[in-house]
């Protein structure tokens, strides 16, 4: 997907890649694809949990990219990102772009009741105040979060990674149907269904409190005697997805393929999902899975890498060429 070092000259200087501690494998993959080594830095956590960052060399006038997902531990990873940004800023970097595969606090995107914060806006403000000039991220939980940033950014989607893989699965599926885990994902679900040329169904659910619980109600559409692609943007505690799987089965679904972009998988979500009658779990590496989680899913787990996509967007951002052209947009 990505050519080796381009001859195009950037007005922002050479690419300098910095990896936070949250997603080292993804950072190394991006480095390998671009043919550009990760820059040296020290990240030290003192006994009082304060963080200290030191660069191994100057970045004055250079085009810097910080690769750091903000998954669990959320506040540690977010604070590390902010300190890395400020460190580069104070060293006179030419431009600073944060590459955040998973943006934390995406569910806190509006005041839907009295006396509550809009924490997604706060996160955007902190990233800007720390000194970031641009941002890149994947599949924000709510589209309006883009408007919380005053700096330019690239909001990418796992659709371009999942689509070709799911197309390759069509030949082995019986009367496939795409089922979205809730109505909020319906618009994106329609895009997947059209690309795969299969019918679309929805699960209607209602959130019953401010905790991580929701009550799934019914299926709108037909899944009986069909293989089901059950799609959502992320799985957190797994409660809604487990309900969706059970309702699909109760409505006569055959094999179920669970497709999601962000494997948040908090608490005992992995254990709960691994117990479900699912043929395959298909996700991406916006958030790294540990060895225990991979073992629980076993051979039913497929992890597609966003590394080639992010590497190409970084290259184009450095050269000042179109990102939309990658997707004929």
Protein backbone atom coordinates (compact mmCIF):
# COMPACT_ATOMS: atom_id res chain seq x y z
CA UNK A 1 0.00 0.00 0.00
CA UNK A 2 2.85 2.35 0.85
CA UNK A 3 5.81 3.08 -1.35
CA UNK A 4 9.24 3.38 0.20
CA UNK A 5 10.69 6.82 0.79
CA UNK A 6 9.07 9.27 -1.55
CA UNK A 7 11.09 11.84 -3.44
CA UNK A 8 8.41 14.45 -2.75
CA UNK A 9 9.78 17.18 -0.48
CA UNK A 10 7.67 18.19 2.49
CA UNK A 11 7.52 21.76 3.74
CA UNK A 12 7.25 20.37 7.26
CA UNK A 13 10.56 18.53 7.31
CA UNK A 14 11.24 14.83 7.51
CA UNK A 15 8.89 12.34 9.14
CA UNK A 16 9.77 11.60 12.75
CA UNK A 17 7.77 8.76 14.30
CA UNK A 18 7.32 8.51 18.06
CA UNK A 19 5.64 5.56 19.75
CA UNK A 20 3.79 5.85 23.00
CA UNK A 21 3.74 2.80 25.24
CA UNK A 22 0.10 1.84 24.50
CA UNK A 23 0.49 0.21 21.06
CA UNK A 24 4.14 -0.72 20.43
CA UNK A 25 3.44 -3.44 17.85
CA UNK A 26 1.30 -1.16 15.69
CA UNK A 27 3.90 1.61 15.95
CA UNK A 28 6.65 -0.77 14.84
CA UNK A 29 4.52 -2.00 11.93
CA UNK A 30 3.96 1.57 10.71
CA UNK A 31 7.70 2.22 11.07
CA UNK A 32 8.55 -0.89 9.03
CA UNK A 33 6.06 -0.04 6.25
CA UNK A 34 7.35 3.52 5.90
CA UNK A 35 10.97 2.42 6.18
CA UNK A 36 11.52 5.05 8.88
CA UNK A 37 12.84 4.01 12.32
CA UNK A 38 11.01 5.00 15.47
CA UNK A 39 12.69 7.92 17.22
CA UNK A 40 14.29 7.31 20.57
CA UNK A 41 12.57 8.58 23.68
CA UNK A 42 12.48 7.75 27.37
CA UNK A 43 9.14 7.43 29.15
CA UNK A 44 9.61 6.97 32.87
CA UNK A 45 6.91 6.53 35.50
CA UNK A 46 8.06 7.52 38.96
CA UNK A 47 6.86 5.84 42.13
CA UNK A 48 4.37 8.68 42.64
CA UNK A 49 2.87 7.84 39.20
CA UNK A 50 4.17 11.07 37.64
CA UNK A 51 5.45 10.62 34.07
CA UNK A 52 8.69 11.96 32.62
CA UNK A 53 9.56 12.10 28.90
CA UNK A 54 12.92 12.85 27.29
CA UNK A 55 13.76 12.80 23.57
CA UNK A 56 17.02 11.21 22.43
CA UNK A 57 17.58 13.81 19.71
CA UNK A 58 16.30 17.18 18.48
CA UNK A 59 13.15 17.48 16.37
CA UNK A 60 13.51 21.18 15.58
CA UNK A 61 11.61 21.99 12.38
CA UNK A 62 10.62 18.35 11.75
CA UNK A 63 7.28 16.70 10.93
CA UNK A 64 6.49 14.62 14.03
CA UNK A 65 3.87 11.89 14.50
CA UNK A 66 2.97 10.44 17.90
CA UNK A 67 1.32 7.00 17.71
CA UNK A 68 -0.65 6.38 20.90
CA UNK A 69 -4.01 4.74 21.42
CA UNK A 70 -5.98 5.87 24.48
CA UNK A 71 -7.41 2.56 25.62
CA UNK A 72 -7.02 1.12 29.14
CA UNK A 73 -5.35 2.30 31.28
CA UNK A 74 -7.11 5.33 29.80
CA UNK A 75 -5.80 8.10 32.01
CA UNK A 76 -2.23 6.85 31.98
CA UNK A 77 -2.23 6.59 28.19
CA UNK A 78 -3.96 9.93 27.69
CA UNK A 79 -1.58 11.74 30.02
CA UNK A 80 1.41 10.13 28.30
CA UNK A 81 0.10 11.39 24.95
CA UNK A 82 -0.29 14.93 26.27
CA UNK A 83 3.21 14.98 27.76
CA UNK A 84 4.71 13.64 24.52
CA UNK A 85 2.95 16.41 22.58
CA UNK A 86 4.25 19.12 24.88
CA UNK A 87 7.78 17.67 24.83
CA UNK A 88 7.87 17.90 21.03
CA UNK A 89 6.32 21.37 21.11
CA UNK A 90 8.94 22.69 23.51
CA UNK A 91 11.68 21.20 21.31
CA UNK A 92 10.39 23.34 18.39
CA UNK A 93 8.95 20.57 16.22
CA UNK A 94 7.80 21.91 12.86
CA UNK A 95 4.44 20.15 13.03
CA UNK A 96 2.96 17.68 15.52
CA UNK A 97 0.34 15.13 14.48
CA UNK A 98 -1.20 12.78 17.02
CA UNK A 99 -2.15 9.38 15.62
CA UNK A 100 -4.78 8.05 18.02
CA UNK A 101 -6.30 4.80 16.68
CA UNK A 102 -8.87 4.75 19.49
CA UNK A 103 -10.06 8.02 21.04
CA UNK A 104 -11.15 7.69 24.65
CA UNK A 105 -14.34 9.26 26.06
CA UNK A 106 -16.07 8.96 22.69
CA UNK A 107 -19.39 8.09 24.36
CA UNK A 108 -19.44 11.37 26.32
CA UNK A 109 -20.22 13.48 23.25
CA UNK A 110 -23.27 15.55 24.30
CA UNK A 111 -25.34 16.76 27.26
CA UNK A 112 -28.18 14.26 27.11
CA UNK A 113 -29.26 15.01 30.69
CA UNK A 114 -28.76 17.80 33.24
CA UNK A 115 -25.49 18.29 35.17
CA UNK A 116 -23.23 16.08 33.03
CA UNK A 117 -19.99 16.92 31.16
CA UNK A 118 -19.07 16.63 27.49
CA UNK A 119 -15.79 14.86 28.14
CA UNK A 120 -15.00 14.14 24.49
CA UNK A 121 -14.78 17.92 23.98
CA UNK A 122 -12.47 18.20 26.99
CA UNK A 123 -10.13 15.56 25.52
CA UNK A 124 -10.04 17.46 22.21
CA UNK A 125 -9.24 20.69 24.05
CA UNK A 126 -6.41 19.07 26.01
CA UNK A 127 -4.82 17.66 22.87
CA UNK A 128 -4.88 21.11 21.26
CA UNK A 129 -3.63 22.97 24.35
CA UNK A 130 -0.75 20.51 24.69
CA UNK A 131 0.44 21.63 21.26
CA UNK A 132 -0.87 19.25 18.59
CA UNK A 133 -1.26 20.73 15.10
CA UNK A 134 -3.19 17.82 13.56
CA UNK A 135 -4.85 14.58 14.59
CA UNK A 136 -5.61 11.22 13.01
CA UNK A 137 -8.02 8.71 14.47
CA UNK A 138 -10.26 5.79 13.54
CA UNK A 139 -14.06 5.53 13.70
CA UNK A 140 -15.14 8.04 16.31
CA UNK A 141 -18.11 6.78 18.29
CA UNK A 142 -20.05 9.92 17.30
CA UNK A 143 -19.41 11.99 14.19
CA UNK A 144 -19.90 15.32 15.96
CA UNK A 145 -16.67 14.77 17.91
CA UNK A 146 -14.84 16.00 14.80
CA UNK A 147 -16.38 19.39 15.51
CA UNK A 148 -14.82 19.49 18.97
CA UNK A 149 -11.39 19.97 17.37
CA UNK A 150 -10.28 23.34 16.00
CA UNK A 151 -7.20 21.75 14.42
CA UNK A 152 -7.46 19.81 11.14
CA UNK A 153 -7.61 16.04 11.23
CA UNK A 154 -8.19 12.81 9.36
CA UNK A 155 -10.98 10.64 10.74
CA UNK A 156 -10.41 7.28 9.09
CA UNK A 157 -12.65 4.24 9.09
CA UNK A 158 -12.08 0.53 9.49
CA UNK A 159 -14.60 0.02 6.69
CA UNK A 160 -11.80 0.15 4.13
CA UNK A 161 -9.98 -2.65 5.96
CA UNK A 162 -13.00 -4.78 6.85
CA UNK A 163 -14.78 -4.54 3.49
CA UNK A 164 -12.33 -6.61 1.39
CA UNK A 165 -12.03 -9.22 4.13
CA UNK A 166 -15.79 -9.54 4.50
CA UNK A 167 -16.20 -9.78 0.73
CA UNK A 168 -13.86 -12.77 0.80
CA UNK A 169 -16.14 -14.43 3.38
CA UNK A 170 -19.28 -14.18 1.25
CA UNK A 171 -18.61 -17.38 -0.67
CA UNK A 172 -18.66 -19.48 2.49
CA UNK A 173 -21.81 -17.93 3.97
CA UNK A 174 -25.42 -19.05 3.51
CA UNK A 175 -27.95 -16.30 2.67
CA UNK A 176 -25.88 -13.71 4.56
CA UNK A 177 -27.48 -10.70 6.24
CA UNK A 178 -25.82 -7.76 7.95
CA UNK A 179 -27.22 -7.06 11.42
CA UNK A 180 -26.31 -3.90 13.33
CA UNK A 181 -26.12 -4.15 17.11
CA UNK A 182 -28.27 -1.00 17.51
CA UNK A 183 -30.06 1.66 15.47
CA UNK A 184 -27.25 4.16 16.10
CA UNK A 185 -25.00 2.13 13.81
CA UNK A 186 -27.67 1.78 11.12
CA UNK A 187 -26.27 4.34 8.67
CA UNK A 188 -22.81 2.77 8.75
CA UNK A 189 -24.38 -0.68 8.61
CA UNK A 190 -26.19 0.28 5.41
CA UNK A 191 -22.83 1.17 3.86
CA UNK A 192 -21.45 -2.28 4.69
CA UNK A 193 -24.59 -4.03 3.44
CA UNK A 194 -24.53 -2.16 0.13
CA UNK A 195 -20.84 -2.93 -0.39
CA UNK A 196 -21.42 -6.62 0.32
CA UNK A 197 -24.71 -6.66 -1.63
CA UNK A 198 -26.61 -8.32 1.22
CA UNK A 199 -29.80 -7.40 3.15
CA UNK A 200 -29.71 -5.26 6.29
CA UNK A 201 -31.38 -5.85 9.65
CA UNK A 202 -31.30 -3.92 12.93
CA UNK A 203 -31.52 -4.60 16.62
CA UNK A 204 -33.59 -2.07 18.53
CA UNK A 205 -32.34 -1.53 22.07
CA UNK A 206 -32.95 0.88 24.89
CA UNK A 207 -30.39 2.04 27.44
CA UNK A 208 -31.98 1.80 30.88
CA UNK A 209 -29.56 3.76 33.11
CA UNK A 210 -26.25 5.62 33.18
CA UNK A 211 -24.34 2.43 33.80
CA UNK A 212 -23.01 0.06 31.18
CA UNK A 213 -26.31 -1.75 30.66
CA UNK A 214 -28.80 -1.74 27.84
CA UNK A 215 -31.92 -3.73 27.16
CA UNK A 216 -32.06 -5.23 23.68
CA UNK A 217 -35.64 -5.38 22.46
CA UNK A 218 -36.21 -6.86 19.03
CA UNK A 219 -34.86 -7.43 15.51
CA UNK A 220 -36.11 -5.32 12.62
CA UNK A 221 -35.57 -7.51 9.58
CA UNK A 222 -35.12 -11.20 8.81
CA UNK A 223 -32.23 -13.38 10.05
CA UNK A 224 -33.96 -16.79 10.05
CA UNK A 225 -31.89 -19.53 8.37
CA UNK A 226 -29.27 -16.95 7.42
CA UNK A 227 -25.62 -16.46 8.34
CA UNK A 228 -25.32 -13.17 10.21
CA UNK A 229 -22.62 -10.50 10.15
CA UNK A 230 -23.26 -8.75 13.48
CA UNK A 231 -21.49 -5.38 13.20
CA UNK A 232 -20.72 -2.56 15.66
CA UNK A 233 -18.05 0.12 16.01
CA UNK A 234 -16.75 -1.10 19.39
CA UNK A 235 -17.35 -3.66 22.11
CA UNK A 236 -16.82 -2.43 25.66
CA UNK A 237 -18.31 -4.64 28.40
CA UNK A 238 -19.85 -6.97 25.83
CA UNK A 239 -23.32 -6.87 27.39
CA UNK A 240 -25.14 -5.42 24.39
CA UNK A 241 -23.29 -7.67 21.96
CA UNK A 242 -24.04 -10.81 23.98
CA UNK A 243 -27.73 -9.83 24.01
CA UNK A 244 -27.59 -9.23 20.26
CA UNK A 245 -26.07 -12.67 19.67
CA UNK A 246 -28.72 -14.36 21.80
CA UNK A 247 -31.59 -12.51 20.09
CA UNK A 248 -30.18 -13.37 16.65
CA UNK A 249 -30.08 -17.04 17.66
CA UNK A 250 -33.60 -16.89 19.10
CA UNK A 251 -34.75 -15.51 15.74
CA UNK A 252 -33.28 -18.44 13.85
CA UNK A 253 -29.84 -17.21 12.76
CA UNK A 254 -27.37 -19.82 11.53
CA UNK A 255 -23.67 -18.95 11.95
CA UNK A 256 -22.89 -15.59 13.56
CA UNK A 257 -19.80 -13.54 12.69
CA UNK A 258 -19.16 -10.69 15.15
CA UNK A 259 -17.45 -7.72 13.46
CA UNK A 260 -16.21 -4.71 15.41
CA UNK A 261 -13.49 -2.10 14.95
CA UNK A 262 -12.39 -1.21 18.48
CA UNK A 263 -11.81 -4.17 20.87
CA UNK A 264 -12.18 -2.20 24.12
CA UNK A 265 -13.21 -5.39 25.97
CA UNK A 266 -13.26 -4.03 29.51
CA UNK A 267 -13.92 -6.04 32.68
CA UNK A 268 -14.81 -9.65 31.78
CA UNK A 269 -16.03 -8.88 28.26
CA UNK A 270 -13.62 -11.32 26.62
CA UNK A 271 -14.81 -14.19 28.80
CA UNK A 272 -18.47 -13.36 28.17
CA UNK A 273 -18.02 -13.17 24.41
CA UNK A 274 -15.89 -16.32 24.24
CA UNK A 275 -18.80 -18.28 25.71
CA UNK A 276 -21.19 -17.16 22.97
CA UNK A 277 -22.15 -19.33 19.95
CA UNK A 278 -20.08 -17.25 17.51
CA UNK A 279 -18.28 -18.73 14.52
CA UNK A 280 -15.72 -15.93 14.15
CA UNK A 281 -14.75 -12.67 15.85
CA UNK A 282 -13.35 -10.12 13.38
CA UNK A 283 -11.74 -6.93 14.68
CA UNK A 284 -8.75 -4.61 14.19
CA UNK A 285 -5.67 -3.64 16.19
CA UNK A 286 -6.75 -0.10 17.08
CA UNK A 287 -6.41 -1.48 20.62
CA UNK A 288 -3.89 -4.28 21.26
CA UNK A 289 -5.19 -7.56 22.64
CA UNK A 290 -3.08 -9.36 25.22
CA UNK A 291 -2.11 -13.03 25.13
CA UNK A 292 -4.87 -14.03 27.56
CA UNK A 293 -7.58 -12.45 25.42
CA UNK A 294 -6.23 -14.06 22.26
CA UNK A 295 -6.14 -17.45 23.98
CA UNK A 296 -9.77 -17.14 25.12
CA UNK A 297 -10.97 -16.40 21.60
CA UNK A 298 -8.64 -19.01 20.13
CA UNK A 299 -8.89 -19.78 16.43
CA UNK A 300 -12.18 -17.91 16.17
CA UNK A 301 -10.33 -14.57 16.37
CA UNK A 302 -9.21 -12.61 13.30
CA UNK A 303 -7.37 -9.31 13.84
CA UNK A 304 -6.96 -7.09 10.78
CA UNK A 305 -4.19 -4.51 10.93
CA UNK A 306 -4.75 -0.78 10.46
CA UNK A 307 -0.97 -0.32 10.10
CA UNK A 308 -0.87 -0.07 6.28
CA UNK A 309 -3.75 2.44 6.28
CA UNK A 310 -2.18 4.70 8.92
CA UNK A 311 1.25 4.49 7.29
CA UNK A 312 -0.13 5.61 3.95
CA UNK A 313 -2.06 8.50 5.52
CA UNK A 314 1.07 9.62 7.40
CA UNK A 315 3.05 9.56 4.16
CA UNK A 316 0.41 11.60 2.34
CA UNK A 317 0.09 14.08 5.21
CA UNK A 318 3.84 14.65 5.10
CA UNK A 319 3.83 15.14 1.33
CA UNK A 320 0.71 17.32 1.38
CA UNK A 321 -1.19 15.02 -0.99
CA UNK A 322 -4.83 13.96 -0.86
CA UNK A 323 -5.97 11.34 1.64
CA UNK A 324 -9.45 11.16 0.09
CA UNK A 325 -7.91 10.05 -3.19
CA UNK A 326 -6.99 6.75 -1.48
CA UNK A 327 -10.69 5.95 -1.33
CA UNK A 328 -11.76 7.67 -4.57
CA UNK A 329 -13.34 10.46 -2.54
